[in-house]
Amino acid sequence: MSEFDQGQLPGGLGDLLKQARTMQEQLAKSQEEAANQILVGTAGGGMVTVEVTGGMQIVSVVIEKGVVDPDDVEMLQDLVIAATNNALAKARDHMASAYAKVTGGFSIPGLNFPG
């Protein structure tokens, strides 16, 4: 900081900066916690299951044998895409919820979360 320390900033600016730092720390903690959560997406009545982390990393794909038809590979591909999109949507919602808990639901310009 320049010639003022936080305690000498005019108009309570020091308190505002302190609050901003505290919120930044809370957001980082929430992001880390949310990124470590496993979220599950399914398709085809549970015949295809995809697990992702809140950080948008795919960790598992499970395909039931009954859905594997060599004559209809396109259906299986569609189910994998649907399950993956379902899981990723849950991960985005989970991350947004974690941020909303810290920000009180207010949109903060320049603050973006993955997804």
PDB file of N, CA and C in Angstrom:
ATOM      1  N   MET A   1       0.841  -1.158   0.000  1.00  0.00           N
ATOM      2  CA  MET A   1       0.000   0.000   0.000  1.00  0.00           C
ATOM      3  C   MET A   1       0.896   1.233   0.000  1.00  0.00           C
ATOM      4  N   SER A   2       0.390   2.388  -0.402  1.00  0.00           N
ATOM      5  CA  SER A   2       1.235   3.575  -0.511  1.00  0.00           C
ATOM      6  C   SER A   2       1.477   4.207   0.847  1.00  0.00           C
ATOM      7  N   GLU A   3       1.162   5.491   1.005  1.00  0.00           N
ATOM      8  CA  GLU A   3       1.503   6.200   2.224  1.00  0.00           C
ATOM      9  C   GLU A   3       0.546   5.921   3.381  1.00  0.00           C
ATOM     10  N   PHE A   4      -0.588   5.257   3.143  1.00  0.00           N
ATOM     11  CA  PHE A   4      -1.536   4.941   4.207  1.00  0.00           C
ATOM     12  C   PHE A   4      -1.427   3.462   4.553  1.00  0.00           C
ATOM     13  N   ASP A   5      -1.518   3.145   5.839  1.00  0.00           N
ATOM     14  CA  ASP A   5      -1.716   1.743   6.162  1.00  0.00           C
ATOM     15  C   ASP A   5      -3.226   1.525   6.252  1.00  0.00           C
ATOM     16  N   GLN A   6      -3.643   0.282   6.417  1.00  0.00           N
ATOM     17  CA  GLN A   6      -5.079   0.011   6.376  1.00  0.00           C
ATOM     18  C   GLN A   6      -5.857   0.768   7.438  1.00  0.00           C
ATOM     19  N   GLY A   7      -5.275   0.951   8.606  1.00  0.00           N
ATOM     20  CA  GLY A   7      -5.974   1.648   9.676  1.00  0.00           C
ATOM     21  C   GLY A   7      -6.160   3.131   9.406  1.00  0.00           C
ATOM     22  N   GLN A   8      -5.421   3.706   8.448  1.00  0.00           N
ATOM     23  CA  GLN A   8      -5.483   5.128   8.185  1.00  0.00           C
ATOM     24  C   GLN A   8      -6.211   5.454   6.882  1.00  0.00           C
ATOM     25  N   LEU A   9      -6.748   4.456   6.219  1.00  0.00           N
ATOM     26  CA  LEU A   9      -7.445   4.732   4.966  1.00  0.00           C
ATOM     27  C   LEU A   9      -8.724   5.499   5.242  1.00  0.00           C
ATOM     28  N   PRO A  10      -9.025   6.482   4.410  1.00  0.00           N
ATOM     29  CA  PRO A  10     -10.205   7.316   4.633  1.00  0.00           C
ATOM     30  C   PRO A  10     -11.511   6.560   4.390  1.00  0.00           C
ATOM     31  N   GLY A  11     -12.552   7.009   5.111  1.00  0.00           N
ATOM     32  CA  GLY A  11     -13.900   6.522   4.846  1.00  0.00           C
ATOM     33  C   GLY A  11     -14.113   5.046   5.093  1.00  0.00           C
ATOM     34  N   GLY A  12     -13.383   4.459   6.009  1.00  0.00           N
ATOM     35  CA  GLY A  12     -13.574   3.038   6.295  1.00  0.00           C
ATOM     36  C   GLY A  12     -13.058   2.117   5.211  1.00  0.00           C
ATOM     37  N   LEU A  13     -12.217   2.627   4.321  1.00  0.00           N
ATOM     38  CA  LEU A  13     -11.686   1.823   3.223  1.00  0.00           C
ATOM     39  C   LEU A  13     -10.863   0.651   3.753  1.00  0.00           C
ATOM     40  N   GLY A  14     -10.191   0.864   4.888  1.00  0.00           N
ATOM     41  CA  GLY A  14      -9.420  -0.227   5.497  1.00  0.00           C
ATOM     42  C   GLY A  14     -10.317  -1.386   5.881  1.00  0.00           C
ATOM     43  N   ASP A  15     -11.488  -1.067   6.464  1.00  0.00           N
ATOM     44  CA  ASP A  15     -12.446  -2.117   6.822  1.00  0.00           C
ATOM     45  C   ASP A  15     -12.978  -2.820   5.581  1.00  0.00           C
ATOM     46  N   LEU A  16     -13.230  -2.061   4.545  1.00  0.00           N
ATOM     47  CA  LEU A  16     -13.726  -2.624   3.297  1.00  0.00           C
ATOM     48  C   LEU A  16     -12.699  -3.575   2.686  1.00  0.00           C
ATOM     49  N   LEU A  17     -11.428  -3.187   2.704  1.00  0.00           N
ATOM     50  CA  LEU A  17     -10.371  -4.063   2.179  1.00  0.00           C
ATOM     51  C   LEU A  17     -10.243  -5.327   3.010  1.00  0.00           C
ATOM     52  N   LYS A  18     -10.384  -5.183   4.322  1.00  0.00           N
ATOM     53  CA  LYS A  18     -10.323  -6.347   5.209  1.00  0.00           C
ATOM     54  C   LYS A  18     -11.474  -7.309   4.892  1.00  0.00           C
ATOM     55  N   GLN A  19     -12.674  -6.765   4.706  1.00  0.00           N
ATOM     56  CA  GLN A  19     -13.834  -7.592   4.360  1.00  0.00           C
ATOM     57  C   GLN A  19     -13.631  -8.277   3.009  1.00  0.00           C
ATOM     58  N   ALA A  20     -13.059  -7.567   2.067  1.00  0.00           N
ATOM     59  CA  ALA A  20     -12.811  -8.142   0.740  1.00  0.00           C
ATOM     60  C   ALA A  20     -11.820  -9.297   0.833  1.00  0.00           C
ATOM     61  N   ARG A  21     -10.783  -9.129   1.635  1.00  0.00           N
ATOM     62  CA  ARG A  21      -9.804 -10.213   1.815  1.00  0.00           C
ATOM     63  C   ARG A  21     -10.440 -11.425   2.493  1.00  0.00           C
ATOM     64  N   THR A  22     -11.266 -11.165   3.497  1.00  0.00           N
ATOM     65  CA  THR A  22     -11.952 -12.257   4.187  1.00  0.00           C
ATOM     66  C   THR A  22     -12.861 -13.003   3.220  1.00  0.00           C
ATOM     67  N   MET A  23     -13.601 -12.275   2.392  1.00  0.00           N
ATOM     68  CA  MET A  23     -14.478 -12.916   1.416  1.00  0.00           C
ATOM     69  C   MET A  23     -13.655 -13.713   0.408  1.00  0.00           C
ATOM     70  N   GLN A  24     -12.531 -13.175  -0.014  1.00  0.00           N
ATOM     71  CA  GLN A  24     -11.666 -13.875  -0.962  1.00  0.00           C
ATOM     72  C   GLN A  24     -11.181 -15.194  -0.355  1.00  0.00           C
ATOM     73  N   GLU A  25     -10.810 -15.179   0.907  1.00  0.00           N
ATOM     74  CA  GLU A  25     -10.368 -16.400   1.583  1.00  0.00           C
ATOM     75  C   GLU A  25     -11.506 -17.410   1.689  1.00  0.00           C
ATOM     76  N   GLN A  26     -12.707 -16.922   2.006  1.00  0.00           N
ATOM     77  CA  GLN A  26     -13.867 -17.804   2.102  1.00  0.00           C
ATOM     78  C   GLN A  26     -14.205 -18.409   0.747  1.00  0.00           C
ATOM     79  N   LEU A  27     -14.112 -17.599  -0.302  1.00  0.00           N
ATOM     80  CA  LEU A  27     -14.390 -18.098  -1.651  1.00  0.00           C
ATOM     81  C   LEU A  27     -13.385 -19.168  -2.050  1.00  0.00           C
ATOM     82  N   ALA A  28     -12.113 -18.952  -1.743  1.00  0.00           N
ATOM     83  CA  ALA A  28     -11.090 -19.940  -2.074  1.00  0.00           C
ATOM     84  C   ALA A  28     -11.350 -21.247  -1.341  1.00  0.00           C
ATOM     85  N   LYS A  29     -11.725 -21.152  -0.074  1.00  0.00           N
ATOM     86  CA  LYS A  29     -12.032 -22.354   0.707  1.00  0.00           C
ATOM     87  C   LYS A  29     -13.258 -23.064   0.145  1.00  0.00           C
ATOM     88  N   SER A  30     -14.299 -22.315  -0.178  1.00  0.00           N
ATOM     89  CA  SER A  30     -15.513 -22.906  -0.750  1.00  0.00           C
ATOM     90  C   SER A  30     -15.229 -23.570  -2.086  1.00  0.00           C
ATOM     91  N   GLN A  31     -14.405 -22.916  -2.903  1.00  0.00           N
ATOM     92  CA  GLN A  31     -14.064 -23.476  -4.206  1.00  0.00           C
ATOM     93  C   GLN A  31     -13.313 -24.789  -4.033  1.00  0.00           C
ATOM     94  N   GLU A  32     -12.376 -24.824  -3.107  1.00  0.00           N
ATOM     95  CA  GLU A  32     -11.609 -26.047  -2.877  1.00  0.00           C
ATOM     96  C   GLU A  32     -12.520 -27.177  -2.384  1.00  0.00           C
ATOM     97  N   GLU A  33     -13.401 -26.858  -1.440  1.00  0.00           N
ATOM     98  CA  GLU A  33     -14.313 -27.869  -0.917  1.00  0.00           C
ATOM     99  C   GLU A  33     -15.247 -28.377  -2.010  1.00  0.00           C
ATOM    100  N   ALA A  34     -15.791 -27.461  -2.810  1.00  0.00           N
ATOM    101  CA  ALA A  34     -16.707 -27.857  -3.883  1.00  0.00           C
ATOM    102  C   ALA A  34     -15.976 -28.667  -4.951  1.00  0.00           C
ATOM    103  N   ALA A  35     -14.742 -28.305  -5.236  1.00  0.00           N
ATOM    104  CA  ALA A  35     -13.972 -29.010  -6.265  1.00  0.00           C
ATOM    105  C   ALA A  35     -13.694 -30.456  -5.874  1.00  0.00           C
ATOM    106  N   ASN A  36     -13.679 -30.731  -4.576  1.00  0.00           N
ATOM    107  CA  ASN A  36     -13.396 -32.085  -4.111  1.00  0.00           C
ATOM    108  C   ASN A  36     -14.641 -32.959  -3.994  1.00  0.00           C
ATOM    109  N   GLN A  37     -15.810 -32.394  -4.192  1.00  0.00           N
ATOM    110  CA  GLN A  37     -17.046 -33.171  -4.126  1.00  0.00           C
ATOM    111  C   GLN A  37     -17.206 -34.012  -5.393  1.00  0.00           C
ATOM    112  N   ILE A  38     -17.776 -35.189  -5.244  1.00  0.00           N
ATOM    113  CA  ILE A  38     -18.082 -36.046  -6.394  1.00  0.00           C
ATOM    114  C   ILE A  38     -19.571 -35.928  -6.689  1.00  0.00           C
ATOM    115  N   LEU A  39     -19.889 -35.623  -7.945  1.00  0.00           N
ATOM    116  CA  LEU A  39     -21.276 -35.509  -8.373  1.00  0.00           C
ATOM    117  C   LEU A  39     -21.535 -36.546  -9.455  1.00  0.00           C
ATOM    118  N   VAL A  40     -22.745 -37.094  -9.470  1.00  0.00           N
ATOM    119  CA  VAL A  40     -23.064 -38.216 -10.341  1.00  0.00           C
ATOM    120  C   VAL A  40     -24.139 -37.808 -11.339  1.00  0.00           C
ATOM    121  N   GLY A  41     -23.880 -38.117 -12.613  1.00  0.00           N
ATOM    122  CA  GLY A  41     -24.865 -37.923 -13.663  1.00  0.00           C
ATOM    123  C   GLY A  41     -25.226 -39.272 -14.245  1.00  0.00           C
ATOM    124  N   THR A  42     -26.476 -39.410 -14.648  1.00  0.00           N
ATOM    125  CA  THR A  42     -26.918 -40.685 -15.217  1.00  0.00           C
ATOM    126  C   THR A  42     -27.719 -40.448 -16.484  1.00  0.00           C
ATOM    127  N   ALA A  43     -27.854 -41.513 -17.252  1.00  0.00           N
ATOM    128  CA  ALA A  43     -28.701 -41.498 -18.448  1.00  0.00           C
ATOM    129  C   ALA A  43     -29.195 -42.928 -18.678  1.00  0.00           C
ATOM    130  N   GLY A  44     -30.259 -43.037 -19.459  1.00  0.00           N
ATOM    131  CA  GLY A  44     -30.797 -44.357 -19.776  1.00  0.00           C
ATOM    132  C   GLY A  44     -31.297 -45.095 -18.552  1.00  0.00           C
ATOM    133  N   GLY A  45     -31.919 -44.354 -17.637  1.00  0.00           N
ATOM    134  CA  GLY A  45     -32.435 -44.986 -16.433  1.00  0.00           C
ATOM    135  C   GLY A  45     -31.345 -45.568 -15.550  1.00  0.00           C
ATOM    136  N   GLY A  46     -30.178 -44.969 -15.573  1.00  0.00           N
ATOM    137  CA  GLY A  46     -29.069 -45.430 -14.748  1.00  0.00           C
ATOM    138  C   GLY A  46     -28.170 -46.436 -15.444  1.00  0.00           C
ATOM    139  N   MET A  47     -28.422 -46.684 -16.724  1.00  0.00           N
ATOM    140  CA  MET A  47     -27.592 -47.628 -17.464  1.00  0.00           C
ATOM    141  C   MET A  47     -26.195 -47.070 -17.721  1.00  0.00           C
ATOM    142  N   VAL A  48     -26.076 -45.742 -17.769  1.00  0.00           N
ATOM    143  CA  VAL A  48     -24.773 -45.081 -17.907  1.00  0.00           C
ATOM    144  C   VAL A  48     -24.652 -44.082 -16.760  1.00  0.00           C
ATOM    145  N   THR A  49     -23.554 -44.177 -16.034  1.00  0.00           N
ATOM    146  CA  THR A  49     -23.294 -43.296 -14.897  1.00  0.00           C
ATOM    147  C   THR A  49     -21.925 -42.647 -15.077  1.00  0.00           C
ATOM    148  N   VAL A  50     -21.883 -41.332 -14.871  1.00  0.00           N
ATOM    149  CA  VAL A  50     -20.631 -40.588 -14.954  1.00  0.00           C
ATOM    150  C   VAL A  50     -20.457 -39.836 -13.648  1.00  0.00           C
ATOM    151  N   GLU A  51     -19.270 -39.943 -13.058  1.00  0.00           N
ATOM    152  CA  GLU A  51     -18.943 -39.189 -11.854  1.00  0.00           C
ATOM    153  C   GLU A  51     -17.929 -38.114 -12.212  1.00  0.00           C
ATOM    154  N   VAL A  52     -18.185 -36.902 -11.702  1.00  0.00           N
ATOM    155  CA  VAL A  52     -17.262 -35.788 -11.906  1.00  0.00           C
ATOM    156  C   VAL A  52     -17.014 -35.111 -10.567  1.00  0.00           C
ATOM    157  N   THR A  53     -15.895 -34.405 -10.491  1.00  0.00           N
ATOM    158  CA  THR A  53     -15.647 -33.587  -9.312  1.00  0.00           C
ATOM    159  C   THR A  53     -16.299 -32.228  -9.529  1.00  0.00           C
ATOM    160  N   GLY A  54     -16.449 -31.492  -8.445  1.00  0.00           N
ATOM    161  CA  GLY A  54     -16.948 -30.129  -8.556  1.00  0.00           C
ATOM    162  C   GLY A  54     -16.021 -29.261  -9.385  1.00  0.00           C
ATOM    163  N   GLY A  55     -14.778 -29.702  -9.544  1.00  0.00           N
ATOM    164  CA  GLY A  55     -13.808 -28.997 -10.379  1.00  0.00           C
ATOM    165  C   GLY A  55     -13.874 -29.392 -11.837  1.00  0.00           C
ATOM    166  N   MET A  56     -14.929 -30.112 -12.224  1.00  0.00           N
ATOM    167  CA  MET A  56     -15.212 -30.476 -13.616  1.00  0.00           C
ATOM    168  C   MET A  56     -14.285 -31.539 -14.187  1.00  0.00           C
ATOM    169  N   GLN A  57     -13.755 -32.407 -13.342  1.00  0.00           N
ATOM    170  CA  GLN A  57     -12.908 -33.497 -13.807  1.00  0.00           C
ATOM    171  C   GLN A  57     -13.712 -34.798 -13.780  1.00  0.00           C
ATOM    172  N   ILE A  58     -13.732 -35.512 -14.902  1.00  0.00           N
ATOM    173  CA  ILE A  58     -14.420 -36.808 -14.938  1.00  0.00           C
ATOM    174  C   ILE A  58     -13.552 -37.816 -14.211  1.00  0.00           C
ATOM    175  N   VAL A  59     -14.153 -38.539 -13.263  1.00  0.00           N
ATOM    176  CA  VAL A  59     -13.391 -39.518 -12.495  1.00  0.00           C
ATOM    177  C   VAL A  59     -13.855 -40.947 -12.747  1.00  0.00           C
ATOM    178  N   SER A  60     -15.044 -41.119 -13.319  1.00  0.00           N
ATOM    179  CA  SER A  60     -15.550 -42.471 -13.525  1.00  0.00           C
ATOM    180  C   SER A  60     -16.649 -42.481 -14.573  1.00  0.00           C
ATOM    181  N   VAL A  61     -16.636 -43.518 -15.406  1.00  0.00           N
ATOM    182  CA  VAL A  61     -17.727 -43.785 -16.346  1.00  0.00           C
ATOM    183  C   VAL A  61     -18.067 -45.263 -16.195  1.00  0.00           C
ATOM    184  N   VAL A  62     -19.339 -45.533 -15.885  1.00  0.00           N
ATOM    185  CA  VAL A  62     -19.791 -46.913 -15.734  1.00  0.00           C
ATOM    186  C   VAL A  62     -20.915 -47.154 -16.739  1.00  0.00           C
ATOM    187  N   ILE A  63     -20.755 -48.205 -17.536  1.00  0.00           N
ATOM    188  CA  ILE A  63     -21.755 -48.559 -18.541  1.00  0.00           C
ATOM    189  C   ILE A  63     -22.227 -49.982 -18.245  1.00  0.00           C
ATOM    190  N   GLU A  64     -23.532 -50.129 -18.031  1.00  0.00           N
ATOM    191  CA  GLU A  64     -24.102 -51.453 -17.783  1.00  0.00           C
ATOM    192  C   GLU A  64     -24.036 -52.282 -19.063  1.00  0.00           C
ATOM    193  N   LYS A  65     -23.735 -53.557 -18.904  1.00  0.00           N
ATOM    194  CA  LYS A  65     -23.583 -54.443 -20.063  1.00  0.00           C
ATOM    195  C   LYS A  65     -24.830 -54.472 -20.940  1.00  0.00           C
ATOM    196  N   GLY A  66     -25.996 -54.363 -20.328  1.00  0.00           N
ATOM    197  CA  GLY A  66     -27.247 -54.446 -21.083  1.00  0.00           C
ATOM    198  C   GLY A  66     -27.450 -53.343 -22.100  1.00  0.00           C
ATOM    199  N   VAL A  67     -26.735 -52.251 -21.972  1.00  0.00           N
ATOM    200  CA  VAL A  67     -26.908 -51.123 -22.896  1.00  0.00           C
ATOM    201  C   VAL A  67     -25.931 -51.209 -24.070  1.00  0.00           C
ATOM    202  N   VAL A  68     -24.979 -52.147 -23.994  1.00  0.00           N
ATOM    203  CA  VAL A  68     -23.982 -52.277 -25.057  1.00  0.00           C
ATOM    204  C   VAL A  68     -24.560 -53.136 -26.173  1.00  0.00           C
ATOM    205  N   ASP A  69     -24.796 -52.491 -27.314  1.00  0.00           N
ATOM    206  CA  ASP A  69     -25.322 -53.175 -28.504  1.00  0.00           C
ATOM    207  C   ASP A  69     -24.414 -52.798 -29.672  1.00  0.00           C
ATOM    208  N   PRO A  70     -23.628 -53.769 -30.164  1.00  0.00           N
ATOM    209  CA  PRO A  70     -22.702 -53.460 -31.257  1.00  0.00           C
ATOM    210  C   PRO A  70     -23.403 -52.923 -32.513  1.00  0.00           C
ATOM    211  N   ASP A  71     -24.690 -53.193 -32.635  1.00  0.00           N
ATOM    212  CA  ASP A  71     -25.434 -52.700 -33.796  1.00  0.00           C
ATOM    213  C   ASP A  71     -26.003 -51.299 -33.578  1.00  0.00           C
ATOM    214  N   ASP A  72     -25.845 -50.759 -32.367  1.00  0.00           N
ATOM    215  CA  ASP A  72     -26.377 -49.426 -32.076  1.00  0.00           C
ATOM    216  C   ASP A  72     -25.398 -48.643 -31.199  1.00  0.00           C
ATOM    217  N   VAL A  73     -24.205 -48.463 -31.712  1.00  0.00           N
ATOM    218  CA  VAL A  73     -23.167 -47.734 -30.983  1.00  0.00           C
ATOM    219  C   VAL A  73     -23.578 -46.274 -30.747  1.00  0.00           C
ATOM    220  N   GLU A  74     -24.327 -45.707 -31.684  1.00  0.00           N
ATOM    221  CA  GLU A  74     -24.746 -44.312 -31.558  1.00  0.00           C
ATOM    222  C   GLU A  74     -25.579 -44.087 -30.305  1.00  0.00           C
ATOM    223  N   MET A  75     -26.443 -45.040 -29.951  1.00  0.00           N
ATOM    224  CA  MET A  75     -27.248 -44.888 -28.749  1.00  0.00           C
ATOM    225  C   MET A  75     -26.348 -44.838 -27.514  1.00  0.00           C
ATOM    226  N   LEU A  76     -25.357 -45.704 -27.458  1.00  0.00           N
ATOM    227  CA  LEU A  76     -24.434 -45.719 -26.329  1.00  0.00           C
ATOM    228  C   LEU A  76     -23.668 -44.394 -26.250  1.00  0.00           C
ATOM    229  N   GLN A  77     -23.225 -43.903 -27.381  1.00  0.00           N
ATOM    230  CA  GLN A  77     -22.525 -42.619 -27.401  1.00  0.00           C
ATOM    231  C   GLN A  77     -23.419 -41.500 -26.872  1.00  0.00           C
ATOM    232  N   ASP A  78     -24.676 -41.504 -27.298  1.00  0.00           N
ATOM    233  CA  ASP A  78     -25.626 -40.489 -26.836  1.00  0.00           C
ATOM    234  C   ASP A  78     -25.846 -40.577 -25.325  1.00  0.00           C
ATOM    235  N   LEU A  79     -25.928 -41.812 -24.807  1.00  0.00           N
ATOM    236  CA  LEU A  79     -26.124 -41.991 -23.370  1.00  0.00           C
ATOM    237  C   LEU A  79     -24.917 -41.492 -22.576  1.00  0.00           C
ATOM    238  N   VAL A  80     -23.717 -41.751 -23.081  1.00  0.00           N
ATOM    239  CA  VAL A  80     -22.508 -41.275 -22.395  1.00  0.00           C
ATOM    240  C   VAL A  80     -22.475 -39.749 -22.397  1.00  0.00           C
ATOM    241  N   ILE A  81     -22.811 -39.148 -23.511  1.00  0.00           N
ATOM    242  CA  ILE A  81     -22.851 -37.683 -23.587  1.00  0.00           C
ATOM    243  C   ILE A  81     -23.899 -37.130 -22.632  1.00  0.00           C
ATOM    244  N   ALA A  82     -25.076 -37.727 -22.608  1.00  0.00           N
ATOM    245  CA  ALA A  82     -26.156 -37.248 -21.737  1.00  0.00           C
ATOM    246  C   ALA A  82     -25.771 -37.371 -20.266  1.00  0.00           C
ATOM    247  N   ALA A  83     -25.186 -38.500 -19.886  1.00  0.00           N
ATOM    248  CA  ALA A  83     -24.785 -38.688 -18.489  1.00  0.00           C
ATOM    249  C   ALA A  83     -23.677 -37.712 -18.100  1.00  0.00           C
ATOM    250  N   THR A  84     -22.746 -37.482 -19.012  1.00  0.00           N
ATOM    251  CA  THR A  84     -21.649 -36.541 -18.739  1.00  0.00           C
ATOM    252  C   THR A  84     -22.192 -35.122 -18.592  1.00  0.00           C
ATOM    253  N   ASN A  85     -23.063 -34.717 -19.492  1.00  0.00           N
ATOM    254  CA  ASN A  85     -23.647 -33.378 -19.393  1.00  0.00           C
ATOM    255  C   ASN A  85     -24.466 -33.218 -18.120  1.00  0.00           C
ATOM    256  N   ASN A  86     -25.177 -34.274 -17.715  1.00  0.00           N
ATOM    257  CA  ASN A  86     -25.948 -34.246 -16.481  1.00  0.00           C
ATOM    258  C   ASN A  86     -25.029 -34.058 -15.277  1.00  0.00           C
ATOM    259  N   ALA A  87     -23.933 -34.794 -15.243  1.00  0.00           N
ATOM    260  CA  ALA A  87     -22.979 -34.682 -14.132  1.00  0.00           C
ATOM    261  C   ALA A  87     -22.324 -33.307 -14.105  1.00  0.00           C
ATOM    262  N   LEU A  88     -21.933 -32.797 -15.259  1.00  0.00           N
ATOM    263  CA  LEU A  88     -21.286 -31.482 -15.314  1.00  0.00           C
ATOM    264  C   LEU A  88     -22.247 -30.367 -14.904  1.00  0.00           C
ATOM    265  N   ALA A  89     -23.521 -30.490 -15.265  1.00  0.00           N
ATOM    266  CA  ALA A  89     -24.519 -29.503 -14.847  1.00  0.00           C
ATOM    267  C   ALA A  89     -24.653 -29.505 -13.328  1.00  0.00           C
ATOM    268  N   LYS A  90     -24.645 -30.686 -12.734  1.00  0.00           N
ATOM    269  CA  LYS A  90     -24.702 -30.774 -11.273  1.00  0.00           C
ATOM    270  C   LYS A  90     -23.459 -30.147 -10.649  1.00  0.00           C
ATOM    271  N   ALA A  91     -22.303 -30.359 -11.255  1.00  0.00           N
ATOM    272  CA  ALA A  91     -21.059 -29.779 -10.735  1.00  0.00           C
ATOM    273  C   ALA A  91     -21.107 -28.256 -10.812  1.00  0.00           C
ATOM    274  N   ARG A  92     -21.596 -27.706 -11.927  1.00  0.00           N
ATOM    275  CA  ARG A  92     -21.715 -26.245 -12.057  1.00  0.00           C
ATOM    276  C   ARG A  92     -22.680 -25.683 -11.010  1.00  0.00           C
ATOM    277  N   ASP A  93     -23.815 -26.365 -10.833  1.00  0.00           N
ATOM    278  CA  ASP A  93     -24.797 -25.918  -9.842  1.00  0.00           C
ATOM    279  C   ASP A  93     -24.213 -25.977  -8.434  1.00  0.00           C
ATOM    280  N   HIS A  94     -23.457 -27.031  -8.165  1.00  0.00           N
ATOM    281  CA  HIS A  94     -22.834 -27.193  -6.852  1.00  0.00           C
ATOM    282  C   HIS A  94     -21.838 -26.062  -6.593  1.00  0.00           C
ATOM    283  N   MET A  95     -21.025 -25.735  -7.585  1.00  0.00           N
ATOM    284  CA  MET A  95     -20.044 -24.669  -7.440  1.00  0.00           C
ATOM    285  C   MET A  95     -20.750 -23.317  -7.271  1.00  0.00           C
ATOM    286  N   ALA A  96     -21.798 -23.079  -8.043  1.00  0.00           N
ATOM    287  CA  ALA A  96     -22.538 -21.824  -7.934  1.00  0.00           C
ATOM    288  C   ALA A  96     -23.165 -21.693  -6.549  1.00  0.00           C
ATOM    289  N   SER A  97     -23.664 -22.794  -6.015  1.00  0.00           N
ATOM    290  CA  SER A  97     -24.253 -22.786  -4.678  1.00  0.00           C
ATOM    291  C   SER A  97     -23.201 -22.473  -3.621  1.00  0.00           C
ATOM    292  N   ALA A  98     -22.013 -23.034  -3.778  1.00  0.00           N
ATOM    293  CA  ALA A  98     -20.925 -22.768  -2.835  1.00  0.00           C
ATOM    294  C   ALA A  98     -20.548 -21.293  -2.845  1.00  0.00           C
ATOM    295  N   TYR A  99     -20.507 -20.675  -4.012  1.00  0.00           N
ATOM    296  CA  TYR A  99     -20.190 -19.248  -4.114  1.00  0.00           C
ATOM    297  C   TYR A  99     -21.308 -18.399  -3.527  1.00  0.00           C
ATOM    298  N   ALA A 100     -22.549 -18.804  -3.791  1.00  0.00           N
ATOM    299  CA  ALA A 100     -23.689 -18.025  -3.301  1.00  0.00           C
ATOM    300  C   ALA A 100     -23.719 -17.994  -1.780  1.00  0.00           C
ATOM    301  N   LYS A 101     -23.270 -19.070  -1.140  1.00  0.00           N
ATOM    302  CA  LYS A 101     -23.236 -19.095   0.325  1.00  0.00           C
ATOM    303  C   LYS A 101     -22.285 -18.032   0.862  1.00  0.00           C
ATOM    304  N   VAL A 102     -21.212 -17.766   0.147  1.00  0.00           N
ATOM    305  CA  VAL A 102     -20.226 -16.777   0.595  1.00  0.00           C
ATOM    306  C   VAL A 102     -20.661 -15.366   0.208  1.00  0.00           C
ATOM    307  N   THR A 103     -21.187 -15.204  -1.003  1.00  0.00           N
ATOM    308  CA  THR A 103     -21.523 -13.868  -1.502  1.00  0.00           C
ATOM    309  C   THR A 103     -22.948 -13.446  -1.165  1.00  0.00           C
ATOM    310  N   GLY A 104     -23.709 -14.337  -0.557  1.00  0.00           N
ATOM    311  CA  GLY A 104     -25.101 -14.015  -0.252  1.00  0.00           C
ATOM    312  C   GLY A 104     -25.952 -13.943  -1.502  1.00  0.00           C
ATOM    313  N   GLY A 105     -25.485 -14.546  -2.576  1.00  0.00           N
ATOM    314  CA  GLY A 105     -26.228 -14.555  -3.821  1.00  0.00           C
ATOM    315  C   GLY A 105     -25.988 -13.338  -4.696  1.00  0.00           C
ATOM    316  N   PHE A 106     -25.181 -12.411  -4.210  1.00  0.00           N
ATOM    317  CA  PHE A 106     -24.884 -11.219  -5.005  1.00  0.00           C
ATOM    318  C   PHE A 106     -23.874 -11.545  -6.089  1.00  0.00           C
ATOM    319  N   SER A 107     -24.077 -10.968  -7.250  1.00  0.00           N
ATOM    320  CA  SER A 107     -23.115 -11.103  -8.343  1.00  0.00           C
ATOM    321  C   SER A 107     -21.995 -10.125  -8.115  1.00  0.00           C
ATOM    322  N   ILE A 108     -20.767 -10.635  -8.162  1.00  0.00           N
ATOM    323  CA  ILE A 108     -19.604  -9.779  -7.974  1.00  0.00           C
ATOM    324  C   ILE A 108     -18.867  -9.669  -9.303  1.00  0.00           C
ATOM    325  N   PRO A 109     -18.789  -8.468  -9.867  1.00  0.00           N
ATOM    326  CA  PRO A 109     -18.133  -8.292 -11.169  1.00  0.00           C
ATOM    327  C   PRO A 109     -16.711  -8.841 -11.149  1.00  0.00           C
ATOM    328  N   GLY A 110     -16.377  -9.576 -12.194  1.00  0.00           N
ATOM    329  CA  GLY A 110     -15.032 -10.124 -12.325  1.00  0.00           C
ATOM    330  C   GLY A 110     -14.839 -11.439 -11.599  1.00  0.00           C
ATOM    331  N   LEU A 111     -15.850 -11.882 -10.844  1.00  0.00           N
ATOM    332  CA  LEU A 111     -15.757 -13.149 -10.118  1.00  0.00           C
ATOM    333  C   LEU A 111     -16.452 -14.222 -10.919  1.00  0.00           C
ATOM    334  N   ASN A 112     -15.674 -15.140 -11.406  1.00  0.00           N
ATOM    335  CA  ASN A 112     -16.236 -16.231 -12.194  1.00  0.00           C
ATOM    336  C   ASN A 112     -15.812 -17.538 -11.560  1.00  0.00           C
ATOM    337  N   PHE A 113     -16.633 -18.539 -11.720  1.00  0.00           N
ATOM    338  CA  PHE A 113     -16.280 -19.870 -11.263  1.00  0.00           C
ATOM    339  C   PHE A 113     -16.254 -20.795 -12.449  1.00  0.00           C
ATOM    340  N   PRO A 114     -15.579 -21.920 -12.330  1.00  0.00           N
ATOM    341  CA  PRO A 114     -15.450 -22.831 -13.456  1.00  0.00           C
ATOM    342  C   PRO A 114     -16.797 -23.251 -14.003  1.00  0.00           C
ATOM    343  N   GLY A 115     -16.827 -23.454 -15.289  1.00  0.00           N
ATOM    344  CA  GLY A 115     -18.045 -23.962 -15.904  1.00  0.00           C
ATOM    345  C   GLY A 115     -18.575 -23.011 -16.884  1.00  0.00           C
TER     346      GLY A 115
END
